[in-house]
Structure formats: C-alpha cells, structure tokens
C-alpha cells in the first residue's frame, strides 16, 4: 500500500469500527481499488450498490479524499433477504419500531457523519433497478454488494455495468468459487463479467474481486 495521508489513515481506522460484514483486509483492498479509480479519473463518480450501515462507504469514501471524486452510495436500506427475521444475518436492533421493518439508513447516516465524509459520500435511497434505469453518469468504479439472491444480483449486474467507463473498475463482493462458502449469484455475475469480454481480472482479496473494463462493447 502506497503512502497514505493522515486523513486516510484516520478514516481506515474508523472504517474497522463500523458495523458491517466486510473483513478488514477486503475493505483495504476495496479502498485501494477506489484510490486507483480516483487516480485514473480525478473528480469522477464511484458508485456502490448495497450500503448497509456504511462500512464499505467509509472505505471508498476514504479513497476519494483529495481527488474531488464522489462516491454515490445506493441502498433501499430495508435489508436483503438474508437480513430478514429468521435469517442468519438478522439484527433486531436495526428494526424500526414504528413499522417493524429493517431500516439501516440512520446507521449509515451516522457512520458517514462521524467519518466526516458528508461532502464525499452521497446517499441514494431507492431500489437499484429503478435508479439504474435513469442513471446517466459514467462510473470510474462500480462496487456490487447488494442483494445476493438470483434476481437482485443479476439486476445489479445488468443495470449498472454498462455505466462503467473503459479503464474503470468493477468490484464484486462475496464471490466464492466453492458453493459451500457462499451463494452462487455473486460468483455467477463475476463469471459473466469475465466471459463478456468487456472486463479482465485485476486483483482478488478474499471474496472481493476487482476487474477492469477494457472494451466499450463486445
């Protein structure tokens, strides 16, 4: 890892304390991918699909520091299938007592505010496929970490990868070759990206895969 500014060091330390499912080594790899995207396209737009409570947003927000780039952090903040009642990753304290639905937005807002990233990280609240349908800004980095079910994962892939610039980066989380280690959809969309001929592998850290867009069309 190249030299970090004191501000970036502070943000990376803070990111480790934010609630989330991303291991720190993968978070640091995501940060490095973000830094590379910002180096290639200063002042560009990064976008993450799936924000949860802001952990990945702080890692990517830290990568934007000093580059005038902006991270758009997209989530409906109602949790994916695996976060609902009766599933492994459900947290009772994330349930809104008014309507008994998950609501991670206040926690995301607190994480971004406490990190001092409110001018570098912009929250988008809504369903990914709806926002993607109206999106027009080219992306220097796209991070897919939304719903891991078949339908939402493929919708994220199909809706957002066309917006990645040539030379831009695509990062996909929870990519497991062994089905015993995790669900298939993130692995399947990773394979689709490679097989499309539009993306090539750049790096891997744990379950995080980073690819580069090398062609505008196949």
C-alpha atoms as a PDB file:
ATOM      1  CA  UNK A   1       0.000   0.000   0.000  1.00  0.00           C
ATOM      2  CA  UNK A   2       1.446   3.356  -1.043  1.00  0.00           C
ATOM      3  CA  UNK A   3       1.774   6.258   1.350  1.00  0.00           C
ATOM      4  CA  UNK A   4      -1.465   7.368   2.966  1.00  0.00           C
ATOM      5  CA  UNK A   5      -2.347  10.823   4.177  1.00  0.00           C
ATOM      6  CA  UNK A   6      -3.053  11.214   7.909  1.00  0.00           C
ATOM      7  CA  UNK A   7      -6.702  11.773   6.999  1.00  0.00           C
ATOM      8  CA  UNK A   8      -6.870   8.492   5.072  1.00  0.00           C
ATOM      9  CA  UNK A   9      -5.188   6.639   7.919  1.00  0.00           C
ATOM     10  CA  UNK A  10      -7.780   8.059  10.298  1.00  0.00           C
ATOM     11  CA  UNK A  11     -10.648   7.014   8.012  1.00  0.00           C
ATOM     12  CA  UNK A  12      -9.327   3.480   7.553  1.00  0.00           C
ATOM     13  CA  UNK A  13      -9.040   3.063  11.310  1.00  0.00           C
ATOM     14  CA  UNK A  14     -12.586   4.322  11.704  1.00  0.00           C
ATOM     15  CA  UNK A  15     -13.887   2.001   8.971  1.00  0.00           C
ATOM     16  CA  UNK A  16     -12.839  -1.004  11.043  1.00  0.00           C
ATOM     17  CA  UNK A  17     -15.258   0.082  13.784  1.00  0.00           C
ATOM     18  CA  UNK A  18     -18.303   0.469  11.516  1.00  0.00           C
ATOM     19  CA  UNK A  19     -20.915  -2.288  11.615  1.00  0.00           C
ATOM     20  CA  UNK A  20     -20.796  -4.500   8.548  1.00  0.00           C
ATOM     21  CA  UNK A  21     -19.889  -7.855   7.038  1.00  0.00           C
ATOM     22  CA  UNK A  22     -16.717  -6.912   5.144  1.00  0.00           C
ATOM     23  CA  UNK A  23     -13.426  -8.225   6.603  1.00  0.00           C
ATOM     24  CA  UNK A  24     -10.822  -5.516   7.053  1.00  0.00           C
ATOM     25  CA  UNK A  25      -8.407  -6.991   4.508  1.00  0.00           C
ATOM     26  CA  UNK A  26     -11.147  -6.883   1.877  1.00  0.00           C
ATOM     27  CA  UNK A  27     -12.061  -3.361   2.949  1.00  0.00           C
ATOM     28  CA  UNK A  28      -8.462  -2.255   2.435  1.00  0.00           C
ATOM     29  CA  UNK A  29      -8.431  -3.909  -0.992  1.00  0.00           C
ATOM     30  CA  UNK A  30     -11.632  -2.053  -1.853  1.00  0.00           C
ATOM     31  CA  UNK A  31     -10.012   1.185  -0.678  1.00  0.00           C
ATOM     32  CA  UNK A  32      -7.027   0.534  -2.952  1.00  0.00           C
ATOM     33  CA  UNK A  33      -9.346  -0.134  -5.896  1.00  0.00           C
ATOM     34  CA  UNK A  34     -11.106   3.135  -5.151  1.00  0.00           C
ATOM     35  CA  UNK A  35      -7.804   5.006  -4.987  1.00  0.00           C
ATOM     36  CA  UNK A  36      -6.770   3.585  -8.345  1.00  0.00           C
ATOM     37  CA  UNK A  37     -10.090   4.606  -9.894  1.00  0.00           C
ATOM     38  CA  UNK A  38      -9.696   8.116  -8.486  1.00  0.00           C
ATOM     39  CA  UNK A  39      -6.134   8.279  -9.799  1.00  0.00           C
ATOM     40  CA  UNK A  40      -7.284   7.304 -13.279  1.00  0.00           C
ATOM     41  CA  UNK A  41     -10.332   9.582 -13.308  1.00  0.00           C
ATOM     42  CA  UNK A  42      -9.866  12.508 -10.867  1.00  0.00           C
ATOM     43  CA  UNK A  43     -13.185  14.085  -9.998  1.00  0.00           C
ATOM     44  CA  UNK A  44     -15.087  11.061 -11.288  1.00  0.00           C
ATOM     45  CA  UNK A  45     -18.058   9.209  -9.881  1.00  0.00           C
ATOM     46  CA  UNK A  46     -17.861   5.967  -7.919  1.00  0.00           C
ATOM     47  CA  UNK A  47     -20.991   4.018  -7.016  1.00  0.00           C
ATOM     48  CA  UNK A  48     -21.683   1.213  -4.578  1.00  0.00           C
ATOM     49  CA  UNK A  49     -24.811  -0.933  -4.724  1.00  0.00           C
ATOM     50  CA  UNK A  50     -25.524  -2.083  -1.178  1.00  0.00           C
ATOM     51  CA  UNK A  51     -24.543   0.213   1.673  1.00  0.00           C
ATOM     52  CA  UNK A  52     -25.831  -1.445   4.890  1.00  0.00           C
ATOM     53  CA  UNK A  53     -24.542   0.685   7.790  1.00  0.00           C
ATOM     54  CA  UNK A  54     -21.760   2.432   5.884  1.00  0.00           C
ATOM     55  CA  UNK A  55     -18.652   0.304   6.330  1.00  0.00           C
ATOM     56  CA  UNK A  56     -17.787  -0.041   2.638  1.00  0.00           C
ATOM     57  CA  UNK A  57     -18.867   3.563   2.140  1.00  0.00           C
ATOM     58  CA  UNK A  58     -16.197   4.744   4.556  1.00  0.00           C
ATOM     59  CA  UNK A  59     -13.526   2.637   2.836  1.00  0.00           C
ATOM     60  CA  UNK A  60     -14.496   4.012  -0.575  1.00  0.00           C
ATOM     61  CA  UNK A  61     -15.058   7.499   0.795  1.00  0.00           C
ATOM     62  CA  UNK A  62     -11.514   7.431   2.141  1.00  0.00           C
ATOM     63  CA  UNK A  63     -10.263   6.596  -1.345  1.00  0.00           C
ATOM     64  CA  UNK A  64     -11.953   9.736  -2.704  1.00  0.00           C
ATOM     65  CA  UNK A  65     -10.145  12.061  -0.285  1.00  0.00           C
ATOM     66  CA  UNK A  66      -8.037  14.620  -2.128  1.00  0.00           C
ATOM     67  CA  UNK A  67      -9.248  13.622  -5.605  1.00  0.00           C
ATOM     68  CA  UNK A  68     -12.540  15.565  -5.819  1.00  0.00           C
ATOM     69  CA  UNK A  69     -14.208  12.267  -6.714  1.00  0.00           C
ATOM     70  CA  UNK A  70     -17.596  11.425  -5.243  1.00  0.00           C
ATOM     71  CA  UNK A  71     -18.998   8.115  -4.028  1.00  0.00           C
ATOM     72  CA  UNK A  72     -22.704   7.530  -4.586  1.00  0.00           C
ATOM     73  CA  UNK A  73     -23.897   5.005  -2.015  1.00  0.00           C
ATOM     74  CA  UNK A  74     -27.105   3.271  -3.110  1.00  0.00           C
ATOM     75  CA  UNK A  75     -29.393   1.171  -0.927  1.00  0.00           C
ATOM     76  CA  UNK A  76     -33.106   0.891  -0.144  1.00  0.00           C
ATOM     77  CA  UNK A  77     -31.945   0.342   3.473  1.00  0.00           C
ATOM     78  CA  UNK A  78     -34.572  -2.325   4.159  1.00  0.00           C
ATOM     79  CA  UNK A  79     -32.102  -5.185   4.149  1.00  0.00           C
ATOM     80  CA  UNK A  80     -31.652  -8.107   1.773  1.00  0.00           C
ATOM     81  CA  UNK A  81     -33.359 -11.477   2.115  1.00  0.00           C
ATOM     82  CA  UNK A  82     -30.620 -12.803   4.393  1.00  0.00           C
ATOM     83  CA  UNK A  83     -31.127  -9.863   6.798  1.00  0.00           C
ATOM     84  CA  UNK A  84     -34.800 -10.501   7.491  1.00  0.00           C
ATOM     85  CA  UNK A  85     -36.334 -12.128  10.581  1.00  0.00           C
ATOM     86  CA  UNK A  86     -35.386 -15.785  10.886  1.00  0.00           C
ATOM     87  CA  UNK A  87     -32.284 -15.496   8.705  1.00  0.00           C
ATOM     88  CA  UNK A  88     -28.657 -15.742   9.781  1.00  0.00           C
ATOM     89  CA  UNK A  89     -27.712 -12.073   9.410  1.00  0.00           C
ATOM     90  CA  UNK A  90     -30.755 -10.506  11.072  1.00  0.00           C
ATOM     91  CA  UNK A  91     -30.161  -7.821  13.733  1.00  0.00           C
ATOM     92  CA  UNK A  92     -33.093  -6.945  15.978  1.00  0.00           C
ATOM     93  CA  UNK A  93     -31.679  -3.528  16.812  1.00  0.00           C
ATOM     94  CA  UNK A  94     -31.888  -2.465  13.145  1.00  0.00           C
ATOM     95  CA  UNK A  95     -35.667  -2.892  13.120  1.00  0.00           C
ATOM     96  CA  UNK A  96     -37.743   0.293  13.046  1.00  0.00           C
ATOM     97  CA  UNK A  97     -40.200   0.019  15.976  1.00  0.00           C
ATOM     98  CA  UNK A  98     -42.799   2.055  14.088  1.00  0.00           C
ATOM     99  CA  UNK A  99     -43.326  -0.341  11.164  1.00  0.00           C
ATOM    100  CA  UNK A 100     -41.267  -3.379  12.280  1.00  0.00           C
ATOM    101  CA  UNK A 101     -39.158  -3.232   9.115  1.00  0.00           C
ATOM    102  CA  UNK A 102     -35.388  -3.113   8.864  1.00  0.00           C
ATOM    103  CA  UNK A 103     -34.058   0.406   8.438  1.00  0.00           C
ATOM    104  CA  UNK A 104     -30.302   0.849   8.189  1.00  0.00           C
ATOM    105  CA  UNK A 105     -30.445   4.421   6.850  1.00  0.00           C
ATOM    106  CA  UNK A 106     -29.993   6.194  10.229  1.00  0.00           C
ATOM    107  CA  UNK A 107     -26.970   3.973  10.959  1.00  0.00           C
ATOM    108  CA  UNK A 108     -25.488   4.697   7.515  1.00  0.00           C
ATOM    109  CA  UNK A 109     -26.027   8.413   8.046  1.00  0.00           C
ATOM    110  CA  UNK A 110     -24.327   8.289  11.439  1.00  0.00           C
ATOM    111  CA  UNK A 111     -21.328   6.394  10.047  1.00  0.00           C
ATOM    112  CA  UNK A 112     -20.816   8.871   7.213  1.00  0.00           C
ATOM    113  CA  UNK A 113     -21.284  11.865   9.510  1.00  0.00           C
ATOM    114  CA  UNK A 114     -18.941  10.529  12.172  1.00  0.00           C
ATOM    115  CA  UNK A 115     -16.336   9.907   9.479  1.00  0.00           C
ATOM    116  CA  UNK A 116     -16.684  13.485   8.250  1.00  0.00           C
ATOM    117  CA  UNK A 117     -17.473  12.261   4.736  1.00  0.00           C
ATOM    118  CA  UNK A 118     -20.768  14.008   4.062  1.00  0.00           C
ATOM    119  CA  UNK A 119     -19.230  16.011   1.187  1.00  0.00           C
ATOM    120  CA  UNK A 120     -17.548  12.975  -0.385  1.00  0.00           C
ATOM    121  CA  UNK A 121     -20.223  10.300   0.057  1.00  0.00           C
ATOM    122  CA  UNK A 122     -23.721  10.941  -1.276  1.00  0.00           C
ATOM    123  CA  UNK A 123     -26.542   8.623  -0.234  1.00  0.00           C
ATOM    124  CA  UNK A 124     -29.094   7.385  -2.763  1.00  0.00           C
ATOM    125  CA  UNK A 125     -32.162   5.765  -1.200  1.00  0.00           C
ATOM    126  CA  UNK A 126     -34.148   3.541  -3.526  1.00  0.00           C
ATOM    127  CA  UNK A 127     -34.274   0.269  -5.388  1.00  0.00           C
ATOM    128  CA  UNK A 128     -31.210  -0.405  -7.501  1.00  0.00           C
ATOM    129  CA  UNK A 129     -33.010  -1.401 -10.695  1.00  0.00           C
ATOM    130  CA  UNK A 130     -35.133   1.763 -10.635  1.00  0.00           C
ATOM    131  CA  UNK A 131     -32.205   4.123 -10.069  1.00  0.00           C
ATOM    132  CA  UNK A 132     -30.104   2.318 -12.700  1.00  0.00           C
ATOM    133  CA  UNK A 133     -32.851   2.770 -15.276  1.00  0.00           C
ATOM    134  CA  UNK A 134     -32.493   6.567 -15.026  1.00  0.00           C
ATOM    135  CA  UNK A 135     -28.744   6.832 -14.361  1.00  0.00           C
ATOM    136  CA  UNK A 136     -26.593   8.626 -16.965  1.00  0.00           C
ATOM    137  CA  UNK A 137     -23.255   9.424 -15.260  1.00  0.00           C
ATOM    138  CA  UNK A 138     -20.249   7.296 -16.323  1.00  0.00           C
ATOM    139  CA  UNK A 139     -18.595   5.484 -13.411  1.00  0.00           C
ATOM    140  CA  UNK A 140     -14.897   5.189 -12.657  1.00  0.00           C
ATOM    141  CA  UNK A 141     -15.684   2.401 -10.173  1.00  0.00           C
ATOM    142  CA  UNK A 142     -18.747   0.246  -9.547  1.00  0.00           C
ATOM    143  CA  UNK A 143     -18.952  -1.877  -6.405  1.00  0.00           C
ATOM    144  CA  UNK A 144     -21.691  -4.535  -6.382  1.00  0.00           C
ATOM    145  CA  UNK A 145     -22.608  -5.741  -2.903  1.00  0.00           C
ATOM    146  CA  UNK A 146     -26.404  -5.616  -2.856  1.00  0.00           C
ATOM    147  CA  UNK A 147     -28.877  -8.456  -2.570  1.00  0.00           C
ATOM    148  CA  UNK A 148     -27.228 -11.822  -3.153  1.00  0.00           C
ATOM    149  CA  UNK A 149     -30.318 -13.572  -4.448  1.00  0.00           C
ATOM    150  CA  UNK A 150     -30.571 -14.507  -8.117  1.00  0.00           C
ATOM    151  CA  UNK A 151     -32.904 -11.704  -9.174  1.00  0.00           C
ATOM    152  CA  UNK A 152     -31.300  -8.719  -7.362  1.00  0.00           C
ATOM    153  CA  UNK A 153     -27.720  -9.739  -8.185  1.00  0.00           C
ATOM    154  CA  UNK A 154     -28.411 -10.062 -11.906  1.00  0.00           C
ATOM    155  CA  UNK A 155     -30.451  -6.852 -11.913  1.00  0.00           C
ATOM    156  CA  UNK A 156     -27.487  -5.012 -10.359  1.00  0.00           C
ATOM    157  CA  UNK A 157     -25.091  -6.505 -12.885  1.00  0.00           C
ATOM    158  CA  UNK A 158     -27.231  -5.772 -15.923  1.00  0.00           C
ATOM    159  CA  UNK A 159     -28.371  -2.366 -14.745  1.00  0.00           C
ATOM    160  CA  UNK A 160     -25.053  -0.920 -13.659  1.00  0.00           C
ATOM    161  CA  UNK A 161     -22.090  -2.471 -15.504  1.00  0.00           C
ATOM    162  CA  UNK A 162     -22.913  -0.616 -18.762  1.00  0.00           C
ATOM    163  CA  UNK A 163     -22.114   2.624 -16.914  1.00  0.00           C
ATOM    164  CA  UNK A 164     -18.504   1.653 -16.094  1.00  0.00           C
ATOM    165  CA  UNK A 165     -16.020   3.633 -18.171  1.00  0.00           C
ATOM    166  CA  UNK A 166     -13.354   1.942 -20.269  1.00  0.00           C
ATOM    167  CA  UNK A 167     -10.417   1.854 -17.864  1.00  0.00           C
ATOM    168  CA  UNK A 168     -12.831   1.923 -14.931  1.00  0.00           C
ATOM    169  CA  UNK A 169     -13.084  -0.764 -12.298  1.00  0.00           C
ATOM    170  CA  UNK A 170     -15.776  -3.246 -11.314  1.00  0.00           C
ATOM    171  CA  UNK A 171     -15.596  -4.717  -7.801  1.00  0.00           C
ATOM    172  CA  UNK A 172     -17.840  -7.593  -6.731  1.00  0.00           C
ATOM    173  CA  UNK A 173     -18.125  -8.800  -3.135  1.00  0.00           C
ATOM    174  CA  UNK A 174     -18.848 -12.286  -1.776  1.00  0.00           C
ATOM    175  CA  UNK A 175     -17.513 -14.148  -4.797  1.00  0.00           C
ATOM    176  CA  UNK A 176     -16.977 -17.748  -3.710  1.00  0.00           C
ATOM    177  CA  UNK A 177     -15.840 -20.474  -6.097  1.00  0.00           C
ATOM    178  CA  UNK A 178     -16.910 -23.167  -3.640  1.00  0.00           C
ATOM    179  CA  UNK A 179     -20.722 -23.221  -3.212  1.00  0.00           C
ATOM    180  CA  UNK A 180     -20.220 -24.381   0.375  1.00  0.00           C
ATOM    181  CA  UNK A 181     -18.640 -20.998   1.196  1.00  0.00           C
ATOM    182  CA  UNK A 182     -21.435 -18.756  -0.077  1.00  0.00           C
ATOM    183  CA  UNK A 183     -24.274 -18.201  -2.506  1.00  0.00           C
ATOM    184  CA  UNK A 184     -23.907 -18.554  -6.276  1.00  0.00           C
ATOM    185  CA  UNK A 185     -25.217 -15.263  -7.733  1.00  0.00           C
ATOM    186  CA  UNK A 186     -22.154 -13.075  -6.936  1.00  0.00           C
ATOM    187  CA  UNK A 187     -19.878 -15.764  -8.409  1.00  0.00           C
ATOM    188  CA  UNK A 188     -22.136 -16.110 -11.433  1.00  0.00           C
ATOM    189  CA  UNK A 189     -22.139 -12.382 -12.218  1.00  0.00           C
ATOM    190  CA  UNK A 190     -18.358 -12.296 -11.769  1.00  0.00           C
ATOM    191  CA  UNK A 191     -18.058 -15.102 -14.329  1.00  0.00           C
ATOM    192  CA  UNK A 192     -20.445 -13.265 -16.640  1.00  0.00           C
ATOM    193  CA  UNK A 193     -18.288 -10.136 -16.448  1.00  0.00           C
ATOM    194  CA  UNK A 194     -15.168 -12.081 -17.461  1.00  0.00           C
ATOM    195  CA  UNK A 195     -16.951 -14.087 -20.146  1.00  0.00           C
ATOM    196  CA  UNK A 196     -18.427 -10.926 -21.671  1.00  0.00           C
ATOM    197  CA  UNK A 197     -15.011  -9.932 -22.946  1.00  0.00           C
ATOM    198  CA  UNK A 198     -15.550  -6.435 -21.536  1.00  0.00           C
ATOM    199  CA  UNK A 199     -13.746  -6.982 -18.214  1.00  0.00           C
ATOM    200  CA  UNK A 200     -10.481  -8.579 -17.141  1.00  0.00           C
ATOM    201  CA  UNK A 201      -9.352  -9.597 -13.667  1.00  0.00           C
ATOM    202  CA  UNK A 202      -7.164  -7.134 -11.807  1.00  0.00           C
ATOM    203  CA  UNK A 203      -6.975  -8.435  -8.239  1.00  0.00           C
ATOM    204  CA  UNK A 204      -8.534 -10.661  -5.608  1.00  0.00           C
ATOM    205  CA  UNK A 205      -8.611 -10.370  -1.817  1.00  0.00           C
ATOM    206  CA  UNK A 206     -10.702 -12.942  -0.010  1.00  0.00           C
ATOM    207  CA  UNK A 207     -14.154 -12.832  -1.592  1.00  0.00           C
ATOM    208  CA  UNK A 208     -13.574  -9.442  -3.255  1.00  0.00           C
ATOM    209  CA  UNK A 209     -12.833  -9.499  -6.978  1.00  0.00           C
ATOM    210  CA  UNK A 210     -11.726  -6.414  -8.880  1.00  0.00           C
ATOM    211  CA  UNK A 211     -11.918  -6.207 -12.651  1.00  0.00           C
ATOM    212  CA  UNK A 212     -11.088  -3.536 -15.234  1.00  0.00           C
ATOM    213  CA  UNK A 213     -13.273  -2.596 -18.164  1.00  0.00           C
ATOM    214  CA  UNK A 214     -11.114  -2.905 -21.263  1.00  0.00           C
ATOM    215  CA  UNK A 215     -13.641  -2.564 -24.083  1.00  0.00           C
ATOM    216  CA  UNK A 216     -16.702  -0.384 -24.725  1.00  0.00           C
ATOM    217  CA  UNK A 217     -18.563  -3.268 -26.417  1.00  0.00           C
ATOM    218  CA  UNK A 218     -18.037  -6.954 -27.086  1.00  0.00           C
END
